[in-house]
Amino acid sequence: MSKRFRFLTILVFAVVAGVFLYPTVNWYFFVPQNMKQLAAGSRIQVRDYAQAQARQELEYLRQAAAGGEDADLSEKMAHIIPESKRGYRDSDRPTPEVWTAKAILSGFFAEKDLYEVLETYHRSELLRLKAMKGRIVELGLDLSGGVSVTLEADRSSLETRLGRPATDDELSEAIDLAIEILTNRIDQFGVTEPQIRREDDNRVSIEIPGDDDPDRVNAFLMGRGSLNFHIVDDEATQQLSELRARQTGWNPNIDGVPEFLPAGTKIVEYVSRDVYGVDRTESWIVVKEDIQEFGLDGSHIIEAQVSRSQITNQPTVNFVLDPEGSEIFARLTRENVNKSMAVVMDNKARSYAVIREEIPTGNVQISGGYTVEEANDLAKVLRTAALPVDLNVINQTSVGASLGKEAIRMGLTSIAVGFALVIVFMLFYYQLAGLIAVLALVLNLVFLTALLSAFNLTLTLTSIAGIILTVGMAVDANVIIYERIKEEYRLGKSARASIETGFQKAFWTVMDANITTFIAAVFLSQLGTGPIQGFAITLAVGIVCSMFTALFVSRLILDVGTDVLKRKKLRIGWGK
């Protein structure tokens, strides 16, 4: 293998490692802490932040323009200047020389357009950070603090609901739907987006970093979720619509409940799913709270599925109610003809339609110009109530953030001390060749971290132990190679011949030792769970990186010394 090929291979790997490492380095060293917290928050928190920032900046521009301020805002408002320029070009007006508040506002047809640009900018910034967070080395709960919960599905609760033994497929679907409830509900509680994994034996693992309050976590873990049919107060909803038209970006979470809201009603968010599967606010509606008189509990749903209208061929959602639910629904639709009804799950309206006539049979069809995907989403929401299953907490662990910081400090100290001792030993015992081994070791840690970042793996205390062990194994490979080279050099061979023969004889020794460890690490990663799996994955990745740096990097540097720099003597240890 030529030196040029080895050099190009190492160069390519170094560039790729730099690309993979960039998000991790940027996140931990250059992104402000407040932006990290916002990016790690729930999707609702991101939305509320973007809307609040947009309204704040819009109000600032409005007041500055009304006050006649002529300050140049081209730097402060650089994120909206391009859109304002486009407005001037579209209306065939010359762009202003100084971007004052009035000049910026004049570039938009309406304040609503400016608000949308501002909101899009702030939302895009946080979503960009969220995407970056998905490409970094995450810290495990033992390092960052948080709560780890293992839940187990209670088959008997499902069988009680169905009134018969549940099949494995029905239980599996019920668990998936329960996970859907938890995922949707977590946004309401404003906690950091969790890692939810389906495990064997009907178990679900949830890790919530950064929140070590078990009571707060239990608030959304317990229960099955709520799904109800509510009669809509159309008059109050119309007033709410007029309020939103007057006040751009109005949000009850920010502005509070308006005074005109009638007693016994509440505001719920009417949402749809965007192309990314995230709830998008379409509007806010007012529904009557009393579920006994003005609604129906979704637990009466027996079945829900998607079909197509025989007249329009448009997707529709059909669901069937049990006898009690059929009676309630018949009364509800009879007394509220020409009024609206909303399907509300966990305080979010998923469907919103007008009651045209009484529905006495308990066989209900919902149509509203849905796409196939929207119809499937709504059917899934309805089936969530049809197949409830209790998720019992069988294990819950809470780790405080301060304990996590101490663990990080101790882990980094261990790596630094171990690395420093290895450097001192290699430089003292192998001198110049020891420096080559140190360079290979540094590259090994870079490649290892890059691979962990590329696969968005989680760094735990046991992972740090795997890294420390990798440092020792990487040096061990260099020691074996150097000792082989020294043996050949003592036999009177030239420096070049000693290096070539030493690497050839050490190759299979290094490979055998590392492959056996790699096989053990792979089995541990597949059979182990939690900390054992983290240790095994880090060790397996470290072994691959250490073999590459020992056989590629060290060999290239030694060959450059003898072939390019024409060194006739080797400096491997004392007396050489």
Protein backbone atom coordinates (compact mmCIF):
# COMPACT_ATOMS: atom_id res chain seq x y z
CA MET A 1 0.00 0.00 0.00
CA SER A 2 1.58 3.29 -1.16
CA LYS A 3 2.22 6.25 1.11
CA ARG A 4 0.09 8.45 -1.14
CA PHE A 5 -2.91 6.16 -0.77
CA ARG A 6 -2.49 6.02 3.01
CA PHE A 7 -2.13 9.79 3.17
CA LEU A 8 -5.26 10.40 1.08
CA THR A 9 -7.19 7.84 3.14
CA ILE A 10 -6.20 9.53 6.40
CA LEU A 11 -6.98 12.96 4.91
CA VAL A 12 -10.46 11.86 3.80
CA PHE A 13 -11.16 10.31 7.20
CA ALA A 14 -9.94 13.48 8.94
CA VAL A 15 -12.21 15.69 6.82
CA VAL A 16 -15.23 13.42 7.39
CA ALA A 17 -14.45 13.34 11.12
CA GLY A 18 -14.33 17.14 11.14
CA VAL A 19 -17.74 17.32 9.47
CA PHE A 20 -19.24 14.92 12.00
CA LEU A 21 -17.54 16.65 14.93
CA TYR A 22 -18.60 20.17 13.96
CA PRO A 23 -22.16 19.95 15.40
CA THR A 24 -20.90 18.54 18.72
CA VAL A 25 -18.11 21.14 19.09
CA ASN A 26 -20.40 23.96 18.01
CA TRP A 27 -23.19 22.87 20.37
CA TYR A 28 -21.11 22.46 23.51
CA PHE A 29 -18.68 25.37 23.03
CA PHE A 30 -20.33 28.06 20.90
CA VAL A 31 -24.13 27.87 21.28
CA PRO A 32 -25.31 30.09 24.18
CA GLN A 33 -26.81 28.24 27.14
CA ASN A 34 -30.20 29.94 26.83
CA MET A 35 -30.47 28.86 23.18
CA LYS A 36 -29.55 25.28 24.16
CA GLN A 37 -32.39 25.25 26.67
CA LEU A 38 -34.85 26.60 24.11
CA ALA A 39 -33.74 24.12 21.44
CA ALA A 40 -34.00 21.24 23.93
CA GLY A 41 -37.53 22.25 24.90
CA SER A 42 -40.81 20.91 23.62
CA ARG A 43 -42.30 21.86 20.27
CA ILE A 44 -44.91 24.03 21.97
CA GLN A 45 -42.17 25.91 23.81
CA VAL A 46 -40.40 26.53 20.51
CA ARG A 47 -43.62 27.82 18.95
CA ASP A 48 -44.46 30.09 21.89
CA TYR A 49 -40.93 31.50 21.94
CA ALA A 50 -40.96 32.22 18.19
CA GLN A 51 -44.36 33.91 18.39
CA ALA A 52 -43.41 35.94 21.46
CA GLN A 53 -40.17 37.14 19.84
CA ALA A 54 -41.99 38.01 16.63
CA ARG A 55 -44.60 40.04 18.51
CA GLN A 56 -41.93 41.80 20.56
CA GLU A 57 -39.95 42.85 17.48
CA LEU A 58 -43.11 43.85 15.61
CA GLU A 59 -44.20 46.04 18.52
CA TYR A 60 -40.72 47.60 18.69
CA LEU A 61 -40.82 48.51 14.98
CA ARG A 62 -44.38 49.81 15.29
CA GLN A 63 -43.52 52.10 18.23
CA ALA A 64 -40.23 53.25 16.67
CA ALA A 65 -42.01 54.15 13.44
CA ALA A 66 -44.81 55.96 15.30
CA GLY A 67 -42.25 57.92 17.31
CA GLY A 68 -40.42 59.04 14.18
CA GLU A 69 -37.13 57.40 15.13
CA ASP A 70 -34.60 57.57 12.30
CA ALA A 71 -31.94 55.19 13.68
CA ASP A 72 -30.38 52.78 11.18
CA LEU A 73 -31.65 49.26 12.03
CA SER A 74 -29.88 47.42 9.20
CA GLU A 75 -27.77 45.43 11.69
CA LYS A 76 -30.34 44.92 14.43
CA MET A 77 -33.03 43.83 11.95
CA ALA A 78 -30.75 42.20 9.39
CA HIS A 79 -32.91 39.06 9.40
CA ILE A 80 -35.91 40.86 7.86
CA ILE A 81 -34.19 43.44 5.61
CA PRO A 82 -34.05 41.03 2.60
CA GLU A 83 -37.84 40.46 2.76
CA SER A 84 -38.44 44.20 3.10
CA LYS A 85 -36.23 44.84 0.04
CA ARG A 86 -38.26 42.28 -1.90
CA GLY A 87 -41.42 44.22 -1.04
CA TYR A 88 -39.92 47.39 -2.46
CA ARG A 89 -38.84 45.60 -5.64
CA ASP A 90 -42.24 43.95 -6.11
CA SER A 91 -43.96 47.33 -5.90
CA ASP A 92 -41.39 49.04 -8.18
CA ARG A 93 -40.22 51.41 -5.47
CA PRO A 94 -36.61 52.43 -4.80
CA THR A 95 -35.08 50.82 -1.72
CA PRO A 96 -34.28 53.29 1.07
CA GLU A 97 -30.70 54.27 1.81
CA VAL A 98 -31.24 54.08 5.57
CA TRP A 99 -33.29 51.24 7.03
CA THR A 100 -35.31 52.98 9.71
CA ALA A 101 -38.27 51.34 11.42
CA LYS A 102 -40.68 53.15 9.10
CA ALA A 103 -38.69 52.09 6.03
CA ILE A 104 -38.73 48.44 7.12
CA LEU A 105 -42.48 48.48 7.77
CA SER A 106 -43.12 50.09 4.39
CA GLY A 107 -41.57 47.07 2.68
CA PHE A 108 -44.48 44.88 3.78
CA PHE A 109 -48.04 44.98 2.50
CA ALA A 110 -49.46 44.32 5.97
CA GLU A 111 -48.17 43.84 9.51
CA LYS A 112 -49.35 40.24 9.32
CA ASP A 113 -46.80 39.58 6.57
CA LEU A 114 -44.01 41.08 8.69
CA TYR A 115 -45.13 39.03 11.69
CA GLU A 116 -44.99 35.81 9.64
CA VAL A 117 -41.46 36.64 8.46
CA LEU A 118 -40.31 37.32 12.03
CA GLU A 119 -41.93 34.17 13.39
CA THR A 120 -40.46 32.05 10.57
CA TYR A 121 -36.99 33.41 11.28
CA HIS A 122 -37.06 32.65 15.01
CA ARG A 123 -38.70 29.27 14.46
CA SER A 124 -36.11 28.36 11.84
CA GLU A 125 -33.27 29.29 14.17
CA LEU A 126 -34.54 27.00 16.93
CA LEU A 127 -35.36 24.17 14.52
CA ARG A 128 -31.84 24.50 13.11
CA LEU A 129 -30.45 24.08 16.63
CA LYS A 130 -32.81 21.14 17.21
CA ALA A 131 -31.47 19.53 14.04
CA MET A 132 -27.92 20.18 15.22
CA LYS A 133 -28.75 18.60 18.57
CA GLY A 134 -29.77 15.47 16.69
CA ARG A 135 -26.21 15.16 15.31
CA ILE A 136 -24.21 15.55 18.51
CA VAL A 137 -22.90 13.24 21.19
CA GLU A 138 -25.71 13.34 23.74
CA LEU A 139 -25.06 13.14 27.46
CA GLY A 140 -26.81 10.29 29.26
CA LEU A 141 -28.95 10.78 32.32
CA ASP A 142 -26.07 9.88 34.63
CA LEU A 143 -24.20 12.89 33.21
CA SER A 144 -26.94 15.43 32.44
CA GLY A 145 -29.44 14.51 35.13
CA GLY A 146 -33.06 13.58 34.52
CA VAL A 147 -35.54 10.76 34.95
CA SER A 148 -35.47 7.26 33.50
CA VAL A 149 -38.74 5.33 33.57
CA THR A 150 -39.58 1.80 32.46
CA LEU A 151 -43.27 1.12 31.83
CA GLU A 152 -45.01 -2.20 31.27
CA ALA A 153 -48.35 -2.64 29.48
CA ASP A 154 -51.08 -4.24 31.58
CA ARG A 155 -52.76 -6.79 29.30
CA SER A 156 -55.67 -7.25 31.74
CA SER A 157 -56.67 -3.57 31.43
CA LEU A 158 -56.98 -3.96 27.67
CA GLU A 159 -58.95 -7.19 28.02
CA THR A 160 -61.31 -5.49 30.47
CA ARG A 161 -61.97 -2.76 27.90
CA LEU A 162 -62.47 -5.22 25.04
CA GLY A 163 -64.51 -7.68 27.10
CA ARG A 164 -62.50 -10.63 25.76
CA PRO A 165 -58.92 -11.93 25.67
CA ALA A 166 -56.61 -9.59 23.73
CA THR A 167 -54.40 -10.88 20.94
CA ASP A 168 -50.71 -10.00 20.78
CA ASP A 169 -51.38 -7.75 17.77
CA GLU A 170 -54.10 -5.86 19.64
CA LEU A 171 -51.82 -5.38 22.64
CA SER A 172 -49.00 -4.20 20.37
CA GLU A 173 -51.29 -1.66 18.70
CA ALA A 174 -52.57 -0.47 22.06
CA ILE A 175 -48.99 0.11 23.26
CA ASP A 176 -48.15 2.05 20.10
CA LEU A 177 -51.21 4.22 20.59
CA ALA A 178 -50.35 4.75 24.26
CA ILE A 179 -46.89 5.93 23.16
CA GLU A 180 -48.63 8.33 20.79
CA ILE A 181 -50.59 9.75 23.74
CA LEU A 182 -47.43 10.20 25.81
CA THR A 183 -45.59 11.87 22.94
CA ASN A 184 -48.42 14.35 22.34
CA ARG A 185 -48.93 14.99 26.05
CA ILE A 186 -45.30 15.75 26.83
CA ASP A 187 -45.45 18.94 24.75
CA GLN A 188 -48.21 20.24 27.00
CA PHE A 189 -46.05 19.81 30.10
CA GLY A 190 -43.16 21.69 28.53
CA VAL A 191 -40.41 19.21 29.34
CA THR A 192 -37.39 18.40 27.22
CA GLU A 193 -38.19 16.07 24.35
CA PRO A 194 -37.66 12.56 25.70
CA GLN A 195 -36.28 9.39 24.19
CA ILE A 196 -39.14 6.89 24.02
CA ARG A 197 -38.20 3.36 22.97
CA ARG A 198 -40.35 0.28 22.59
CA GLU A 199 -38.67 -2.70 24.27
CA ASP A 200 -39.34 -6.40 24.47
CA ASP A 201 -41.84 -7.96 26.91
CA ASN A 202 -44.40 -5.20 26.27
CA ARG A 203 -42.25 -2.58 27.92
CA VAL A 204 -41.60 1.04 27.08
CA SER A 205 -38.46 2.92 28.11
CA ILE A 206 -38.60 6.70 28.57
CA GLU A 207 -35.59 8.90 29.30
CA ILE A 208 -36.20 12.57 30.05
CA PRO A 209 -32.93 14.50 30.40
CA GLY A 210 -32.74 17.62 32.49
CA ASP A 211 -35.91 17.07 34.57
CA ASP A 212 -35.27 15.28 37.86
CA ASP A 213 -38.69 15.96 39.43
CA PRO A 214 -40.46 12.56 39.58
CA ASP A 215 -43.82 14.11 40.53
CA ARG A 216 -43.81 16.39 37.49
CA VAL A 217 -42.92 13.49 35.23
CA ASN A 218 -45.62 11.27 36.75
CA ALA A 219 -48.17 13.92 35.83
CA PHE A 220 -47.98 12.97 32.16
CA LEU A 221 -46.83 9.35 32.53
CA MET A 222 -49.87 8.23 34.48
CA GLY A 223 -53.28 7.87 32.88
CA ARG A 224 -54.38 6.90 29.41
CA GLY A 225 -54.98 10.29 27.88
CA SER A 226 -58.33 11.93 27.29
CA LEU A 227 -60.44 11.93 24.15
CA ASN A 228 -63.88 13.53 24.17
CA PHE A 229 -66.49 15.03 21.87
CA HIS A 230 -67.39 18.60 22.81
CA ILE A 231 -70.10 20.93 21.54
CA VAL A 232 -68.50 24.15 20.27
CA ASP A 233 -69.72 27.58 21.38
CA ASP A 234 -69.88 29.05 17.87
CA GLU A 235 -70.67 32.60 19.02
CA ALA A 236 -67.69 32.79 21.41
CA THR A 237 -65.48 31.14 18.78
CA GLN A 238 -66.46 33.86 16.30
CA GLN A 239 -65.60 36.56 18.85
CA LEU A 240 -62.26 34.84 19.40
CA SER A 241 -61.64 34.83 15.64
CA GLU A 242 -62.33 38.58 15.49
CA LEU A 243 -59.94 39.15 18.40
CA ARG A 244 -57.18 37.23 16.61
CA ALA A 245 -57.81 39.28 13.46
CA ARG A 246 -57.37 42.52 15.43
CA GLN A 247 -54.37 41.34 17.47
CA THR A 248 -51.78 39.65 15.28
CA GLY A 249 -50.28 36.57 16.88
CA TRP A 250 -52.80 36.39 19.72
CA ASN A 251 -52.22 33.36 21.93
CA PRO A 252 -54.11 32.46 25.15
CA ASN A 253 -50.92 31.03 26.65
CA ILE A 254 -49.39 34.49 26.35
CA ASP A 255 -52.37 36.88 26.53
CA GLY A 256 -54.65 34.97 28.90
CA VAL A 257 -58.38 34.23 28.67
CA PRO A 258 -60.50 37.07 27.17
CA GLU A 259 -63.29 38.58 29.26
CA PHE A 260 -66.07 37.67 26.83
CA LEU A 261 -65.54 33.92 27.36
CA PRO A 262 -68.83 32.51 28.78
CA ALA A 263 -68.86 30.58 32.04
CA GLY A 264 -68.61 26.83 31.61
CA THR A 265 -66.50 27.05 28.46
CA LYS A 266 -62.80 26.78 27.70
CA ILE A 267 -60.44 27.59 24.84
CA VAL A 268 -58.77 24.70 23.04
CA GLU A 269 -56.25 24.72 20.27
CA TYR A 270 -57.47 23.44 16.88
CA VAL A 271 -54.50 21.68 15.29
CA SER A 272 -53.50 19.75 12.22
CA ARG A 273 -50.30 17.89 11.42
CA ASP A 274 -47.78 19.53 9.11
CA VAL A 275 -45.51 17.66 6.70
CA TYR A 276 -43.11 16.93 9.56
CA GLY A 277 -45.80 15.33 11.72
CA VAL A 278 -45.79 18.27 14.17
CA ASP A 279 -49.01 19.79 15.47
CA ARG A 280 -49.69 23.09 13.73
CA THR A 281 -52.13 25.62 15.19
CA GLU A 282 -54.94 26.36 12.75
CA SER A 283 -57.07 28.41 15.15
CA TRP A 284 -58.48 28.54 18.67
CA ILE A 285 -62.03 27.44 19.41
CA VAL A 286 -64.32 27.68 22.44
CA VAL A 287 -65.95 24.46 23.65
CA LYS A 288 -68.40 23.73 26.44
CA GLU A 289 -66.66 22.01 29.33
CA ASP A 290 -69.50 19.94 30.85
CA ILE A 291 -68.90 16.56 29.22
CA GLN A 292 -72.02 15.09 30.82
CA GLU A 293 -74.41 17.56 29.18
CA PHE A 294 -72.50 18.90 26.18
CA GLY A 295 -70.19 16.07 25.21
CA LEU A 296 -69.31 12.40 24.99
CA ASP A 297 -66.43 10.46 26.53
CA GLY A 298 -64.32 8.85 23.80
CA SER A 299 -64.12 5.60 25.77
CA HIS A 300 -67.48 4.67 24.21
CA ILE A 301 -65.77 4.20 20.81
CA ILE A 302 -65.51 0.55 19.85
CA GLU A 303 -63.90 0.78 16.43
CA ALA A 304 -62.58 3.45 14.03
CA GLN A 305 -61.38 3.11 10.45
CA VAL A 306 -60.84 5.05 7.22
CA SER A 307 -63.05 4.59 4.15
CA ARG A 308 -64.13 6.64 1.14
CA SER A 309 -67.38 8.42 0.42
CA GLN A 310 -69.48 6.65 -2.20
CA ILE A 311 -70.49 10.03 -3.64
CA THR A 312 -67.30 12.12 -3.62
CA ASN A 313 -64.69 9.35 -3.21
CA GLN A 314 -63.06 11.55 -0.56
CA PRO A 315 -61.51 9.89 2.54
CA THR A 316 -63.86 9.68 5.53
CA VAL A 317 -63.45 8.43 9.08
CA ASN A 318 -66.04 5.99 10.38
CA PHE A 319 -66.37 4.97 14.02
CA VAL A 320 -68.77 2.80 16.00
CA LEU A 321 -70.07 3.56 19.51
CA ASP A 322 -71.20 1.11 22.17
CA PRO A 323 -74.94 1.09 23.13
CA GLU A 324 -74.56 3.65 25.92
CA GLY A 325 -72.44 5.91 23.73
CA SER A 326 -74.95 5.58 20.87
CA GLU A 327 -77.75 6.81 23.10
CA ILE A 328 -75.73 9.76 24.39
CA PHE A 329 -74.53 10.68 20.90
CA ALA A 330 -78.09 10.53 19.50
CA ARG A 331 -79.29 12.99 22.17
CA LEU A 332 -76.26 15.20 21.66
CA THR A 333 -76.70 15.45 17.88
CA ARG A 334 -80.49 15.84 18.15
CA GLU A 335 -80.23 18.80 20.52
CA ASN A 336 -77.39 20.54 18.66
CA VAL A 337 -78.29 20.37 14.97
CA ASN A 338 -76.44 23.08 12.95
CA LYS A 339 -74.00 23.54 15.81
CA SER A 340 -70.35 22.48 15.70
CA MET A 341 -68.75 19.53 17.44
CA ALA A 342 -65.03 19.04 18.07
CA VAL A 343 -63.00 15.89 18.72
CA VAL A 344 -60.64 16.91 21.54
CA MET A 345 -57.68 14.80 22.64
CA ASP A 346 -55.57 15.99 25.55
CA ASN A 347 -56.98 19.52 25.21
CA LYS A 348 -56.30 19.77 21.47
CA ALA A 349 -59.09 19.72 18.90
CA ARG A 350 -58.25 17.22 16.16
CA SER A 351 -61.48 17.55 14.16
CA TYR A 352 -64.12 20.25 13.96
CA ALA A 353 -67.37 19.91 12.00
CA VAL A 354 -71.03 21.02 11.90
CA ILE A 355 -73.79 18.61 13.01
CA ARG A 356 -76.22 18.40 10.08
CA GLU A 357 -78.73 15.94 11.53
CA GLU A 358 -79.37 13.54 14.37
CA ILE A 359 -77.21 10.39 14.33
CA PRO A 360 -79.25 7.72 16.16
CA THR A 361 -77.46 4.49 15.25
CA GLY A 362 -74.03 4.87 16.82
CA ASN A 363 -72.40 4.44 13.40
CA VAL A 364 -70.79 7.81 12.76
CA GLN A 365 -69.07 9.12 9.66
CA ILE A 366 -66.82 12.20 9.77
CA SER A 367 -66.05 13.95 6.48
CA GLY A 368 -64.39 17.26 5.85
CA GLY A 369 -62.15 17.17 2.81
CA TYR A 370 -59.46 15.15 4.57
CA THR A 371 -56.42 13.81 2.79
CA VAL A 372 -55.70 10.12 3.28
CA GLU A 373 -52.97 10.96 5.78
CA GLU A 374 -55.23 13.33 7.75
CA ALA A 375 -58.00 10.73 7.81
CA ASN A 376 -55.58 8.07 9.07
CA ASP A 377 -54.36 10.45 11.77
CA LEU A 378 -57.90 11.13 12.95
CA ALA A 379 -58.79 7.42 12.92
CA LYS A 380 -55.68 6.77 14.97
CA VAL A 381 -56.79 9.41 17.49
CA LEU A 382 -60.21 7.77 17.78
CA ARG A 383 -58.71 4.29 18.12
CA THR A 384 -56.59 5.64 20.95
CA ALA A 385 -59.76 5.85 22.99
CA ALA A 386 -60.95 2.49 21.63
CA LEU A 387 -57.87 0.58 22.79
CA PRO A 388 -56.70 2.06 26.10
CA VAL A 389 -54.07 0.12 28.03
CA ASP A 390 -52.59 0.87 31.41
CA LEU A 391 -48.83 1.44 31.47
CA ASN A 392 -47.55 0.54 34.93
CA VAL A 393 -44.27 2.00 36.21
CA ILE A 394 -41.96 -0.88 37.10
CA ASN A 395 -38.76 1.14 37.49
CA GLN A 396 -38.03 4.84 37.91
CA THR A 397 -34.65 6.44 38.49
CA SER A 398 -33.98 10.12 39.11
CA VAL A 399 -30.53 11.71 38.76
CA GLY A 400 -29.93 15.30 39.85
CA ALA A 401 -28.17 17.72 37.49
CA SER A 402 -25.50 18.53 40.10
CA LEU A 403 -24.62 14.84 40.38
CA GLY A 404 -24.39 14.71 36.58
CA LYS A 405 -21.97 17.67 36.50
CA GLU A 406 -19.79 15.98 39.10
CA ALA A 407 -19.80 12.78 37.04
CA ILE A 408 -18.74 14.73 33.93
CA ARG A 409 -15.94 16.41 35.86
CA MET A 410 -14.67 13.13 37.25
CA GLY A 411 -14.96 11.40 33.88
CA LEU A 412 -13.08 14.12 32.02
CA THR A 413 -10.47 14.19 34.78
CA SER A 414 -9.99 10.44 34.45
CA ILE A 415 -9.53 10.70 30.69
CA ALA A 416 -7.12 13.63 31.05
CA VAL A 417 -5.01 11.95 33.75
CA GLY A 418 -4.91 8.63 31.91
CA PHE A 419 -4.05 10.35 28.64
CA ALA A 420 -1.31 12.42 30.29
CA LEU A 421 0.29 9.37 31.95
CA VAL A 422 0.25 7.48 28.65
CA ILE A 423 1.89 10.45 26.88
CA VAL A 424 4.60 10.73 29.53
CA PHE A 425 5.35 7.00 29.38
CA MET A 426 5.44 6.84 25.57
CA LEU A 427 7.65 9.92 25.25
CA PHE A 428 10.02 8.69 27.96
CA TYR A 429 10.27 5.06 26.83
CA TYR A 430 10.05 5.40 23.03
CA GLN A 431 11.21 9.02 22.62
CA LEU A 432 10.58 10.24 19.03
CA ALA A 433 8.55 7.16 18.14
CA GLY A 434 6.54 7.81 21.28
CA LEU A 435 5.58 11.21 19.88
CA ILE A 436 4.25 9.44 16.77
CA ALA A 437 2.17 7.15 18.99
CA VAL A 438 0.80 10.19 20.84
CA LEU A 439 -0.25 11.80 17.54
CA ALA A 440 -1.95 8.54 16.54
CA LEU A 441 -3.68 8.44 19.92
CA VAL A 442 -5.00 12.00 19.50
CA LEU A 443 -6.37 11.11 16.07
CA ASN A 444 -7.89 7.97 17.58
CA LEU A 445 -9.88 10.04 20.09
CA VAL A 446 -10.93 12.46 17.32
CA PHE A 447 -12.19 9.62 15.09
CA LEU A 448 -13.90 7.95 18.06
CA THR A 449 -15.75 11.12 19.05
CA ALA A 450 -16.68 11.78 15.41
CA LEU A 451 -18.25 8.33 15.04
CA LEU A 452 -20.16 8.72 18.29
CA SER A 453 -21.42 12.08 17.02
CA ALA A 454 -22.28 10.72 13.55
CA PHE A 455 -24.59 8.08 15.01
CA ASN A 456 -25.95 10.43 17.71
CA LEU A 457 -24.88 7.99 20.42
CA THR A 458 -25.38 8.78 24.08
CA LEU A 459 -22.34 9.32 26.28
CA THR A 460 -22.66 7.81 29.75
CA LEU A 461 -20.26 7.08 32.59
CA THR A 462 -19.76 3.56 31.25
CA SER A 463 -19.10 5.04 27.79
CA ILE A 464 -16.36 7.17 29.34
CA ALA A 465 -14.93 3.97 30.83
CA GLY A 466 -14.96 2.50 27.31
CA ILE A 467 -13.05 5.53 26.01
CA ILE A 468 -10.44 5.19 28.77
CA LEU A 469 -10.01 1.50 27.94
CA THR A 470 -9.71 2.40 24.26
CA VAL A 471 -6.83 4.75 25.07
CA GLY A 472 -4.97 1.88 26.71
CA MET A 473 -5.69 -0.53 23.84
CA ALA A 474 -4.61 2.01 21.22
CA VAL A 475 -1.26 2.45 22.94
CA ASP A 476 -0.97 -1.33 23.34
CA ALA A 477 -1.12 -1.76 19.54
CA ASN A 478 1.69 0.79 19.08
CA VAL A 479 3.78 -0.90 21.78
CA ILE A 480 3.48 -4.29 20.01
CA ILE A 481 4.49 -2.74 16.67
CA TYR A 482 7.41 -0.80 18.15
CA GLU A 483 8.79 -3.84 19.96
CA ARG A 484 8.68 -5.82 16.71
CA ILE A 485 10.51 -3.02 14.90
CA LYS A 486 13.13 -2.89 17.65
CA GLU A 487 13.73 -6.63 17.34
CA GLU A 488 14.31 -6.32 13.59
CA TYR A 489 16.54 -3.29 14.04
CA ARG A 490 18.71 -5.14 16.58
CA LEU A 491 19.28 -7.84 13.97
CA GLY A 492 21.12 -5.26 11.86
CA LYS A 493 18.40 -4.45 9.32
CA SER A 494 18.06 -0.97 7.92
CA ALA A 495 15.54 1.45 9.33
CA ARG A 496 13.19 1.05 6.36
CA ALA A 497 13.43 -2.76 6.38
CA SER A 498 12.91 -2.88 10.14
CA ILE A 499 9.74 -0.80 9.89
CA GLU A 500 8.32 -2.86 7.04
CA THR A 501 9.11 -6.23 8.65
CA GLY A 502 8.02 -5.04 12.09
CA PHE A 503 4.59 -3.99 10.82
CA GLN A 504 4.19 -7.24 8.87
CA LYS A 505 4.98 -9.42 11.88
CA ALA A 506 2.93 -7.31 14.30
CA PHE A 507 -0.09 -7.06 12.00
CA TRP A 508 -1.78 -10.35 12.90
CA THR A 509 -0.86 -10.06 16.56
CA VAL A 510 -2.59 -6.67 16.71
CA MET A 511 -5.53 -7.91 14.63
CA ASP A 512 -6.07 -11.07 16.71
CA ALA A 513 -6.01 -9.19 19.99
CA ASN A 514 -8.40 -6.50 18.79
CA ILE A 515 -10.77 -8.74 16.83
CA THR A 516 -11.43 -10.99 19.83
CA THR A 517 -12.18 -7.95 21.98
CA PHE A 518 -14.31 -6.47 19.19
CA ILE A 519 -16.40 -9.67 18.95
CA ALA A 520 -16.99 -9.62 22.71
CA ALA A 521 -17.98 -5.93 22.52
CA VAL A 522 -20.44 -6.61 19.69
CA PHE A 523 -22.13 -9.39 21.64
CA LEU A 524 -22.32 -7.18 24.72
CA SER A 525 -23.89 -4.37 22.68
CA GLN A 526 -26.56 -6.73 21.34
CA LEU A 527 -27.31 -8.70 24.50
CA GLY A 528 -26.67 -6.04 27.11
CA THR A 529 -28.89 -3.11 28.05
CA GLY A 530 -28.36 0.32 29.52
CA PRO A 531 -24.86 0.97 30.88
CA ILE A 532 -23.46 -2.32 29.55
CA GLN A 533 -24.61 -1.50 26.04
CA GLY A 534 -23.10 1.99 26.20
CA PHE A 535 -19.76 0.60 27.33
CA ALA A 536 -19.78 -2.07 24.62
CA ILE A 537 -20.62 0.29 21.76
CA THR A 538 -17.96 2.80 22.77
CA LEU A 539 -15.39 0.03 23.13
CA ALA A 540 -16.24 -1.50 19.72
CA VAL A 541 -15.99 1.87 17.97
CA GLY A 542 -12.75 2.64 19.83
CA ILE A 543 -11.18 -0.67 18.75
CA VAL A 544 -11.86 0.07 15.08
CA CYS A 545 -10.38 3.56 15.43
CA SER A 546 -7.30 2.34 17.33
CA MET A 547 -6.49 -0.31 14.71
CA PHE A 548 -6.78 2.28 11.94
CA THR A 549 -4.52 4.82 13.64
CA ALA A 550 -1.93 2.22 14.68
CA LEU A 551 -1.69 0.50 11.28
CA PHE A 552 -2.28 3.50 9.02
CA VAL A 553 -1.24 6.69 10.78
CA SER A 554 1.84 5.41 12.64
CA ARG A 555 3.05 3.52 9.56
CA LEU A 556 2.68 6.58 7.33
CA ILE A 557 4.64 8.86 9.68
CA LEU A 558 7.45 6.31 10.08
CA ASP A 559 7.62 5.75 6.31
CA VAL A 560 7.79 9.48 5.69
CA GLY A 561 10.78 9.66 8.06
CA THR A 562 12.74 6.95 6.25
CA ASP A 563 11.64 7.45 2.60
CA VAL A 564 11.02 11.18 2.37
CA LEU A 565 13.27 12.63 5.07
CA LYS A 566 15.89 9.91 4.37
CA ARG A 567 16.52 9.11 8.04
CA LYS A 568 18.93 6.19 8.35
CA LYS A 569 18.56 5.62 12.07
CA LEU A 570 15.55 4.86 14.20
CA ARG A 571 14.83 6.48 17.55
CA ILE A 572 12.68 3.84 19.23
CA GLY A 573 13.66 3.65 22.85
CA TRP A 574 16.93 4.34 24.61
CA GLY A 575 20.14 3.59 22.80
CA LYS A 576 18.56 3.59 19.32
